[in-house]
């Protein structure tokens, strides 16, 4: 792993995906998810706060261990979680 891929790129991706227009779209779409959900490319977990209690199981997959590390603290902040709700695995 290079410096850029490990320390710079994950933060750039998180910043780019945190934009207001994307957040509005998330707020409209993510709460519609129900049942068992597989989120491919979960990244830093920006979608996590938008899942409703209609989601009974959530698995998140991402190829970036650094982005998954950014997502892990957000998992604890979700009130609807029935442990274990999410399994985050890295393909790297």
PDB file of N, CA and C in Angstrom:
ATOM      1  N   UNK A   1       0.838  -1.185   0.000  1.00  0.00           N
ATOM      2  CA  UNK A   1       0.000   0.000   0.000  1.00  0.00           C
ATOM      3  C   UNK A   1       0.882   1.246   0.000  1.00  0.00           C
ATOM      4  N   UNK A   2       0.550   2.160  -0.870  1.00  0.00           N
ATOM      5  CA  UNK A   2       1.276   3.409  -0.920  1.00  0.00           C
ATOM      6  C   UNK A   2       0.696   4.426   0.045  1.00  0.00           C
ATOM      7  N   UNK A   3       1.467   5.451   0.281  1.00  0.00           N
ATOM      8  CA  UNK A   3       1.057   6.522   1.184  1.00  0.00           C
ATOM      9  C   UNK A   3      -0.269   7.142   0.728  1.00  0.00           C
ATOM     10  N   UNK A   4      -0.360   7.456  -0.573  1.00  0.00           N
ATOM     11  CA  UNK A   4      -1.556   8.105  -1.104  1.00  0.00           C
ATOM     12  C   UNK A   4      -2.790   7.223  -0.901  1.00  0.00           C
ATOM     13  N   UNK A   5      -2.686   5.940  -1.269  1.00  0.00           N
ATOM     14  CA  UNK A   5      -3.832   5.031  -1.163  1.00  0.00           C
ATOM     15  C   UNK A   5      -4.247   4.787   0.287  1.00  0.00           C
ATOM     16  N   UNK A   6      -3.298   4.794   1.182  1.00  0.00           N
ATOM     17  CA  UNK A   6      -3.587   4.506   2.583  1.00  0.00           C
ATOM     18  C   UNK A   6      -4.034   5.731   3.373  1.00  0.00           C
ATOM     19  N   UNK A   7      -3.394   6.862   3.167  1.00  0.00           N
ATOM     20  CA  UNK A   7      -3.629   8.021   4.029  1.00  0.00           C
ATOM     21  C   UNK A   7      -4.372   9.184   3.373  1.00  0.00           C
ATOM     22  N   UNK A   8      -4.333   9.292   2.063  1.00  0.00           N
ATOM     23  CA  UNK A   8      -4.942  10.436   1.392  1.00  0.00           C
ATOM     24  C   UNK A   8      -6.270  10.059   0.733  1.00  0.00           C
ATOM     25  N   UNK A   9      -6.247   9.042  -0.112  1.00  0.00           N
ATOM     26  CA  UNK A   9      -7.418   8.676  -0.898  1.00  0.00           C
ATOM     27  C   UNK A   9      -8.670   8.392  -0.062  1.00  0.00           C
ATOM     28  N   UNK A  10      -8.597   7.647   1.036  1.00  0.00           N
ATOM     29  CA  UNK A  10      -9.816   7.410   1.819  1.00  0.00           C
ATOM     30  C   UNK A  10     -10.477   8.702   2.305  1.00  0.00           C
ATOM     31  N   UNK A  11      -9.681   9.679   2.689  1.00  0.00           N
ATOM     32  CA  UNK A  11     -10.233  10.951   3.165  1.00  0.00           C
ATOM     33  C   UNK A  11     -10.805  11.782   2.015  1.00  0.00           C
ATOM     34  N   UNK A  12     -10.185  11.695   0.842  1.00  0.00           N
ATOM     35  CA  UNK A  12     -10.733  12.383  -0.326  1.00  0.00           C
ATOM     36  C   UNK A  12     -12.075  11.780  -0.733  1.00  0.00           C
ATOM     37  N   UNK A  13     -12.168  10.453  -0.711  1.00  0.00           N
ATOM     38  CA  UNK A  13     -13.426   9.780  -1.043  1.00  0.00           C
ATOM     39  C   UNK A  13     -14.506  10.166  -0.041  1.00  0.00           C
ATOM     40  N   UNK A  14     -14.175  10.127   1.237  1.00  0.00           N
ATOM     41  CA  UNK A  14     -15.139  10.501   2.273  1.00  0.00           C
ATOM     42  C   UNK A  14     -15.609  11.951   2.080  1.00  0.00           C
ATOM     43  N   UNK A  15     -14.688  12.841   1.794  1.00  0.00           N
ATOM     44  CA  UNK A  15     -15.029  14.248   1.573  1.00  0.00           C
ATOM     45  C   UNK A  15     -15.945  14.410   0.360  1.00  0.00           C
ATOM     46  N   UNK A  16     -15.595  13.767  -0.747  1.00  0.00           N
ATOM     47  CA  UNK A  16     -16.384  13.880  -1.978  1.00  0.00           C
ATOM     48  C   UNK A  16     -17.791  13.321  -1.788  1.00  0.00           C
ATOM     49  N   UNK A  17     -17.912  12.236  -1.054  1.00  0.00           N
ATOM     50  CA  UNK A  17     -19.211  11.597  -0.857  1.00  0.00           C
ATOM     51  C   UNK A  17     -20.025  12.265   0.251  1.00  0.00           C
ATOM     52  N   UNK A  18     -19.443  13.232   0.947  1.00  0.00           N
ATOM     53  CA  UNK A  18     -20.144  13.954   2.012  1.00  0.00           C
ATOM     54  C   UNK A  18     -20.860  15.191   1.502  1.00  0.00           C
ATOM     55  N   UNK A  19     -20.855  15.396   0.203  1.00  0.00           N
ATOM     56  CA  UNK A  19     -21.434  16.630  -0.330  1.00  0.00           C
ATOM     57  C   UNK A  19     -22.947  16.682  -0.100  1.00  0.00           C
ATOM     58  N   UNK A  20     -23.473  17.889  -0.018  1.00  0.00           N
ATOM     59  CA  UNK A  20     -24.865  18.130   0.366  1.00  0.00           C
ATOM     60  C   UNK A  20     -25.862  17.468  -0.583  1.00  0.00           C
ATOM     61  N   UNK A  21     -25.610  17.519  -1.889  1.00  0.00           N
ATOM     62  CA  UNK A  21     -26.523  16.928  -2.857  1.00  0.00           C
ATOM     63  C   UNK A  21     -26.618  15.414  -2.687  1.00  0.00           C
ATOM     64  N   UNK A  22     -25.510  14.777  -2.409  1.00  0.00           N
ATOM     65  CA  UNK A  22     -25.510  13.326  -2.183  1.00  0.00           C
ATOM     66  C   UNK A  22     -26.248  13.007  -0.886  1.00  0.00           C
ATOM     67  N   UNK A  23     -26.076  13.829   0.134  1.00  0.00           N
ATOM     68  CA  UNK A  23     -26.764  13.606   1.411  1.00  0.00           C
ATOM     69  C   UNK A  23     -28.285  13.705   1.242  1.00  0.00           C
ATOM     70  N   UNK A  24     -28.734  14.627   0.421  1.00  0.00           N
ATOM     71  CA  UNK A  24     -30.172  14.760   0.155  1.00  0.00           C
ATOM     72  C   UNK A  24     -30.697  13.500  -0.522  1.00  0.00           C
ATOM     73  N   UNK A  25     -29.948  12.992  -1.465  1.00  0.00           N
ATOM     74  CA  UNK A  25     -30.340  11.757  -2.174  1.00  0.00           C
ATOM     75  C   UNK A  25     -30.350  10.567  -1.219  1.00  0.00           C
ATOM     76  N   UNK A  26     -29.337  10.488  -0.361  1.00  0.00           N
ATOM     77  CA  UNK A  26     -29.283   9.419   0.651  1.00  0.00           C
ATOM     78  C   UNK A  26     -30.536   9.449   1.530  1.00  0.00           C
ATOM     79  N   UNK A  27     -30.871  10.637   2.005  1.00  0.00           N
ATOM     80  CA  UNK A  27     -32.013  10.796   2.905  1.00  0.00           C
ATOM     81  C   UNK A  27     -33.316  10.364   2.247  1.00  0.00           C
ATOM     82  N   UNK A  28     -33.386  10.473   0.934  1.00  0.00           N
ATOM     83  CA  UNK A  28     -34.594  10.077   0.213  1.00  0.00           C
ATOM     84  C   UNK A  28     -34.632   8.574  -0.069  1.00  0.00           C
ATOM     85  N   UNK A  29     -33.480   7.960  -0.324  1.00  0.00           N
ATOM     86  CA  UNK A  29     -33.455   6.568  -0.775  1.00  0.00           C
ATOM     87  C   UNK A  29     -33.181   5.532   0.313  1.00  0.00           C
ATOM     88  N   UNK A  30     -32.198   5.757   1.146  1.00  0.00           N
ATOM     89  CA  UNK A  30     -31.754   4.743   2.106  1.00  0.00           C
ATOM     90  C   UNK A  30     -32.854   4.323   3.075  1.00  0.00           C
ATOM     91  N   UNK A  31     -33.694   5.213   3.589  1.00  0.00           N
ATOM     92  CA  UNK A  31     -34.740   4.781   4.516  1.00  0.00           C
ATOM     93  C   UNK A  31     -35.760   3.819   3.901  1.00  0.00           C
ATOM     94  N   UNK A  32     -35.780   3.697   2.579  1.00  0.00           N
ATOM     95  CA  UNK A  32     -36.701   2.779   1.904  1.00  0.00           C
ATOM     96  C   UNK A  32     -36.229   1.331   1.960  1.00  0.00           C
ATOM     97  N   UNK A  33     -34.980   1.109   2.343  1.00  0.00           N
ATOM     98  CA  UNK A  33     -34.441  -0.253   2.424  1.00  0.00           C
ATOM     99  C   UNK A  33     -35.139  -1.020   3.539  1.00  0.00           C
ATOM    100  N   UNK A  34     -35.381  -2.321   3.293  1.00  0.00           N
ATOM    101  CA  UNK A  34     -36.023  -3.175   4.288  1.00  0.00           C
ATOM    102  C   UNK A  34     -35.365  -4.543   4.307  1.00  0.00           C
ATOM    103  N   UNK A  35     -35.567  -5.265   5.405  1.00  0.00           N
ATOM    104  CA  UNK A  35     -35.084  -6.638   5.503  1.00  0.00           C
ATOM    105  C   UNK A  35     -33.579  -6.739   5.610  1.00  0.00           C
ATOM    106  N   UNK A  36     -33.021  -7.697   4.899  1.00  0.00           N
ATOM    107  CA  UNK A  36     -31.588  -7.947   4.912  1.00  0.00           C
ATOM    108  C   UNK A  36     -30.944  -7.162   3.774  1.00  0.00           C
ATOM    109  N   UNK A  37     -29.937  -6.342   4.100  1.00  0.00           N
ATOM    110  CA  UNK A  37     -29.317  -5.445   3.125  1.00  0.00           C
ATOM    111  C   UNK A  37     -27.830  -5.753   3.017  1.00  0.00           C
ATOM    112  N   UNK A  38     -27.339  -5.810   1.778  1.00  0.00           N
ATOM    113  CA  UNK A  38     -25.911  -5.904   1.509  1.00  0.00           C
ATOM    114  C   UNK A  38     -25.509  -4.603   0.836  1.00  0.00           C
ATOM    115  N   UNK A  39     -24.688  -3.822   1.510  1.00  0.00           N
ATOM    116  CA  UNK A  39     -24.211  -2.564   0.931  1.00  0.00           C
ATOM    117  C   UNK A  39     -22.813  -2.797   0.383  1.00  0.00           C
ATOM    118  N   UNK A  40     -22.721  -2.823  -0.937  1.00  0.00           N
ATOM    119  CA  UNK A  40     -21.437  -3.042  -1.612  1.00  0.00           C
ATOM    120  C   UNK A  40     -20.785  -1.681  -1.803  1.00  0.00           C
ATOM    121  N   UNK A  41     -19.585  -1.532  -1.262  1.00  0.00           N
ATOM    122  CA  UNK A  41     -18.901  -0.245  -1.299  1.00  0.00           C
ATOM    123  C   UNK A  41     -19.393   0.652  -0.175  1.00  0.00           C
ATOM    124  N   UNK A  42     -19.429   0.104   1.029  1.00  0.00           N
ATOM    125  CA  UNK A  42     -19.955   0.855   2.185  1.00  0.00           C
ATOM    126  C   UNK A  42     -19.073   2.052   2.536  1.00  0.00           C
ATOM    127  N   UNK A  43     -17.834   2.020   2.093  1.00  0.00           N
ATOM    128  CA  UNK A  43     -16.935   3.150   2.319  1.00  0.00           C
ATOM    129  C   UNK A  43     -16.792   3.506   3.785  1.00  0.00           C
ATOM    130  N   UNK A  44     -16.931   4.788   4.082  1.00  0.00           N
ATOM    131  CA  UNK A  44     -16.749   5.267   5.455  1.00  0.00           C
ATOM    132  C   UNK A  44     -18.037   5.208   6.267  1.00  0.00           C
ATOM    133  N   UNK A  45     -19.084   4.613   5.699  1.00  0.00           N
ATOM    134  CA  UNK A  45     -20.330   4.439   6.452  1.00  0.00           C
ATOM    135  C   UNK A  45     -21.267   5.628   6.420  1.00  0.00           C
ATOM    136  N   UNK A  46     -21.171   6.456   5.401  1.00  0.00           N
ATOM    137  CA  UNK A  46     -22.012   7.653   5.344  1.00  0.00           C
ATOM    138  C   UNK A  46     -23.501   7.325   5.224  1.00  0.00           C
ATOM    139  N   UNK A  47     -23.849   6.142   4.717  1.00  0.00           N
ATOM    140  CA  UNK A  47     -25.265   5.763   4.609  1.00  0.00           C
ATOM    141  C   UNK A  47     -25.843   5.267   5.928  1.00  0.00           C
ATOM    142  N   UNK A  48     -25.020   4.854   6.854  1.00  0.00           N
ATOM    143  CA  UNK A  48     -25.488   4.183   8.076  1.00  0.00           C
ATOM    144  C   UNK A  48     -26.555   4.939   8.854  1.00  0.00           C
ATOM    145  N   UNK A  49     -26.451   6.241   9.048  1.00  0.00           N
ATOM    146  CA  UNK A  49     -27.480   6.937   9.836  1.00  0.00           C
ATOM    147  C   UNK A  49     -28.861   6.955   9.176  1.00  0.00           C
ATOM    148  N   UNK A  50     -28.930   6.639   7.896  1.00  0.00           N
ATOM    149  CA  UNK A  50     -30.191   6.730   7.163  1.00  0.00           C
ATOM    150  C   UNK A  50     -31.012   5.431   7.163  1.00  0.00           C
ATOM    151  N   UNK A  51     -30.428   4.323   7.598  1.00  0.00           N
ATOM    152  CA  UNK A  51     -31.185   3.069   7.621  1.00  0.00           C
ATOM    153  C   UNK A  51     -32.242   3.123   8.705  1.00  0.00           C
ATOM    154  N   UNK A  52     -33.420   2.620   8.390  1.00  0.00           N
ATOM    155  CA  UNK A  52     -34.526   2.622   9.348  1.00  0.00           C
ATOM    156  C   UNK A  52     -34.590   1.292  10.097  1.00  0.00           C
ATOM    157  N   UNK A  53     -35.510   1.200  11.028  1.00  0.00           N
ATOM    158  CA  UNK A  53     -35.684  -0.034  11.792  1.00  0.00           C
ATOM    159  C   UNK A  53     -36.283  -1.150  10.936  1.00  0.00           C
ATOM    160  N   UNK A  54     -36.674  -0.853   9.696  1.00  0.00           N
ATOM    161  CA  UNK A  54     -37.165  -1.884   8.778  1.00  0.00           C
ATOM    162  C   UNK A  54     -36.033  -2.770   8.273  1.00  0.00           C
ATOM    163  N   UNK A  55     -34.791  -2.335   8.468  1.00  0.00           N
ATOM    164  CA  UNK A  55     -33.623  -3.155   8.106  1.00  0.00           C
ATOM    165  C   UNK A  55     -33.335  -4.083   9.277  1.00  0.00           C
ATOM    166  N   UNK A  56     -33.390  -5.381   9.015  1.00  0.00           N
ATOM    167  CA  UNK A  56     -33.179  -6.361  10.074  1.00  0.00           C
ATOM    168  C   UNK A  56     -31.742  -6.860  10.142  1.00  0.00           C
ATOM    169  N   UNK A  57     -31.026  -6.783   9.039  1.00  0.00           N
ATOM    170  CA  UNK A  57     -29.628  -7.199   9.012  1.00  0.00           C
ATOM    171  C   UNK A  57     -28.911  -6.415   7.929  1.00  0.00           C
ATOM    172  N   UNK A  58     -27.747  -5.898   8.264  1.00  0.00           N
ATOM    173  CA  UNK A  58     -26.976  -5.099   7.313  1.00  0.00           C
ATOM    174  C   UNK A  58     -25.568  -5.642   7.244  1.00  0.00           C
ATOM    175  N   UNK A  59     -25.120  -5.913   6.023  1.00  0.00           N
ATOM    176  CA  UNK A  59     -23.730  -6.289   5.798  1.00  0.00           C
ATOM    177  C   UNK A  59     -23.126  -5.239   4.886  1.00  0.00           C
ATOM    178  N   UNK A  60     -21.955  -4.770   5.256  1.00  0.00           N
ATOM    179  CA  UNK A  60     -21.248  -3.791   4.441  1.00  0.00           C
ATOM    180  C   UNK A  60     -19.931  -4.355   3.977  1.00  0.00           C
ATOM    181  N   UNK A  61     -19.631  -4.181   2.702  1.00  0.00           N
ATOM    182  CA  UNK A  61     -18.401  -4.704   2.113  1.00  0.00           C
ATOM    183  C   UNK A  61     -17.682  -3.559   1.407  1.00  0.00           C
ATOM    184  N   UNK A  62     -16.377  -3.508   1.587  1.00  0.00           N
ATOM    185  CA  UNK A  62     -15.586  -2.511   0.878  1.00  0.00           C
ATOM    186  C   UNK A  62     -14.182  -3.049   0.676  1.00  0.00           C
ATOM    187  N   UNK A  63     -13.552  -2.657  -0.410  1.00  0.00           N
ATOM    188  CA  UNK A  63     -12.195  -3.128  -0.683  1.00  0.00           C
ATOM    189  C   UNK A  63     -11.137  -2.319   0.062  1.00  0.00           C
ATOM    190  N   UNK A  64     -11.534  -1.235   0.696  1.00  0.00           N
ATOM    191  CA  UNK A  64     -10.589  -0.373   1.407  1.00  0.00           C
ATOM    192  C   UNK A  64     -10.674  -0.598   2.920  1.00  0.00           C
ATOM    193  N   UNK A  65      -9.633  -1.154   3.472  1.00  0.00           N
ATOM    194  CA  UNK A  65      -9.578  -1.349   4.929  1.00  0.00           C
ATOM    195  C   UNK A  65      -9.601  -0.003   5.652  1.00  0.00           C
ATOM    196  N   UNK A  66      -9.030   1.017   5.036  1.00  0.00           N
ATOM    197  CA  UNK A  66      -8.998   2.345   5.654  1.00  0.00           C
ATOM    198  C   UNK A  66     -10.403   2.953   5.744  1.00  0.00           C
ATOM    199  N   UNK A  67     -11.201   2.813   4.680  1.00  0.00           N
ATOM    200  CA  UNK A  67     -12.574   3.320   4.715  1.00  0.00           C
ATOM    201  C   UNK A  67     -13.415   2.527   5.712  1.00  0.00           C
ATOM    202  N   UNK A  68     -13.211   1.218   5.778  1.00  0.00           N
ATOM    203  CA  UNK A  68     -13.936   0.405   6.757  1.00  0.00           C
ATOM    204  C   UNK A  68     -13.598   0.834   8.180  1.00  0.00           C
ATOM    205  N   UNK A  69     -12.347   1.181   8.408  1.00  0.00           N
ATOM    206  CA  UNK A  69     -11.953   1.662   9.741  1.00  0.00           C
ATOM    207  C   UNK A  69     -12.675   2.959  10.081  1.00  0.00           C
ATOM    208  N   UNK A  70     -12.949   3.786   9.086  1.00  0.00           N
ATOM    209  CA  UNK A  70     -13.696   5.021   9.306  1.00  0.00           C
ATOM    210  C   UNK A  70     -15.175   4.718   9.584  1.00  0.00           C
ATOM    211  N   UNK A  71     -15.689   3.614   9.041  1.00  0.00           N
ATOM    212  CA  UNK A  71     -17.102   3.252   9.223  1.00  0.00           C
ATOM    213  C   UNK A  71     -17.375   2.631  10.595  1.00  0.00           C
ATOM    214  N   UNK A  72     -16.418   1.921  11.133  1.00  0.00           N
ATOM    215  CA  UNK A  72     -16.657   1.167  12.378  1.00  0.00           C
ATOM    216  C   UNK A  72     -17.207   2.002  13.535  1.00  0.00           C
ATOM    217  N   UNK A  73     -16.683   3.195  13.818  1.00  0.00           N
ATOM    218  CA  UNK A  73     -17.254   3.985  14.921  1.00  0.00           C
ATOM    219  C   UNK A  73     -18.709   4.379  14.681  1.00  0.00           C
ATOM    220  N   UNK A  74     -19.106   4.529  13.427  1.00  0.00           N
ATOM    221  CA  UNK A  74     -20.486   4.909  13.106  1.00  0.00           C
ATOM    222  C   UNK A  74     -21.460   3.773  13.396  1.00  0.00           C
ATOM    223  N   UNK A  75     -20.988   2.544  13.345  1.00  0.00           N
ATOM    224  CA  UNK A  75     -21.846   1.389  13.608  1.00  0.00           C
ATOM    225  C   UNK A  75     -22.395   1.469  15.027  1.00  0.00           C
ATOM    226  N   UNK A  76     -21.568   1.870  15.957  1.00  0.00           N
ATOM    227  CA  UNK A  76     -21.982   1.957  17.361  1.00  0.00           C
ATOM    228  C   UNK A  76     -23.026   3.040  17.592  1.00  0.00           C
ATOM    229  N   UNK A  77     -23.095   4.027  16.706  1.00  0.00           N
ATOM    230  CA  UNK A  77     -24.023   5.129  16.884  1.00  0.00           C
ATOM    231  C   UNK A  77     -25.425   4.870  16.355  1.00  0.00           C
ATOM    232  N   UNK A  78     -25.682   3.684  15.842  1.00  0.00           N
ATOM    233  CA  UNK A  78     -26.990   3.391  15.269  1.00  0.00           C
ATOM    234  C   UNK A  78     -27.884   2.767  16.331  1.00  0.00           C
ATOM    235  N   UNK A  79     -28.956   3.448  16.661  1.00  0.00           N
ATOM    236  CA  UNK A  79     -29.847   3.011  17.743  1.00  0.00           C
ATOM    237  C   UNK A  79     -30.620   1.747  17.409  1.00  0.00           C
ATOM    238  N   UNK A  80     -30.915   1.484  16.132  1.00  0.00           N
ATOM    239  CA  UNK A  80     -31.767   0.359  15.775  1.00  0.00           C
ATOM    240  C   UNK A  80     -31.028  -0.975  15.730  1.00  0.00           C
ATOM    241  N   UNK A  81     -29.750  -0.972  16.025  1.00  0.00           N
ATOM    242  CA  UNK A  81     -28.952  -2.178  15.843  1.00  0.00           C
ATOM    243  C   UNK A  81     -29.364  -3.301  16.788  1.00  0.00           C
ATOM    244  N   UNK A  82     -29.605  -4.449  16.207  1.00  0.00           N
ATOM    245  CA  UNK A  82     -29.686  -5.702  16.949  1.00  0.00           C
ATOM    246  C   UNK A  82     -28.372  -6.406  16.663  1.00  0.00           C
ATOM    247  N   UNK A  83     -27.536  -6.556  17.635  1.00  0.00           N
ATOM    248  CA  UNK A  83     -26.195  -7.106  17.421  1.00  0.00           C
ATOM    249  C   UNK A  83     -26.250  -8.558  16.973  1.00  0.00           C
ATOM    250  N   UNK A  84     -25.411  -9.000  16.068  1.00  0.00           N
ATOM    251  CA  UNK A  84     -24.601  -8.166  15.183  1.00  0.00           C
ATOM    252  C   UNK A  84     -25.411  -7.752  13.957  1.00  0.00           C
ATOM    253  N   UNK A  85     -25.497  -6.487  13.700  1.00  0.00           N
ATOM    254  CA  UNK A  85     -26.233  -5.997  12.544  1.00  0.00           C
ATOM    255  C   UNK A  85     -25.351  -5.963  11.306  1.00  0.00           C
ATOM    256  N   UNK A  86     -24.108  -5.553  11.472  1.00  0.00           N
ATOM    257  CA  UNK A  86     -23.273  -5.329  10.313  1.00  0.00           C
ATOM    258  C   UNK A  86     -21.978  -6.098  10.390  1.00  0.00           C
ATOM    259  N   UNK A  87     -21.608  -6.701   9.291  1.00  0.00           N
ATOM    260  CA  UNK A  87     -20.318  -7.340   9.150  1.00  0.00           C
ATOM    261  C   UNK A  87     -19.544  -6.588   8.092  1.00  0.00           C
ATOM    262  N   UNK A  88     -18.505  -5.907   8.461  1.00  0.00           N
ATOM    263  CA  UNK A  88     -17.701  -5.154   7.507  1.00  0.00           C
ATOM    264  C   UNK A  88     -16.470  -5.960   7.186  1.00  0.00           C
ATOM    265  N   UNK A  89     -16.282  -6.287   5.909  1.00  0.00           N
ATOM    266  CA  UNK A  89     -15.131  -7.066   5.511  1.00  0.00           C
ATOM    267  C   UNK A  89     -14.400  -6.378   4.380  1.00  0.00           C
ATOM    268  N   UNK A  90     -13.120  -6.547   4.339  1.00  0.00           N
ATOM    269  CA  UNK A  90     -12.301  -5.921   3.308  1.00  0.00           C
ATOM    270  C   UNK A  90     -11.836  -6.976   2.324  1.00  0.00           C
ATOM    271  N   UNK A  91     -11.877  -6.633   1.050  1.00  0.00           N
ATOM    272  CA  UNK A  91     -11.415  -7.546   0.011  1.00  0.00           C
ATOM    273  C   UNK A  91      -9.929  -7.418  -0.239  1.00  0.00           C
ATOM    274  N   UNK A  92      -9.265  -6.498   0.442  1.00  0.00           N
ATOM    275  CA  UNK A  92      -7.832  -6.292   0.186  1.00  0.00           C
ATOM    276  C   UNK A  92      -6.979  -7.245   0.987  1.00  0.00           C
TER     277      UNK A  92
END
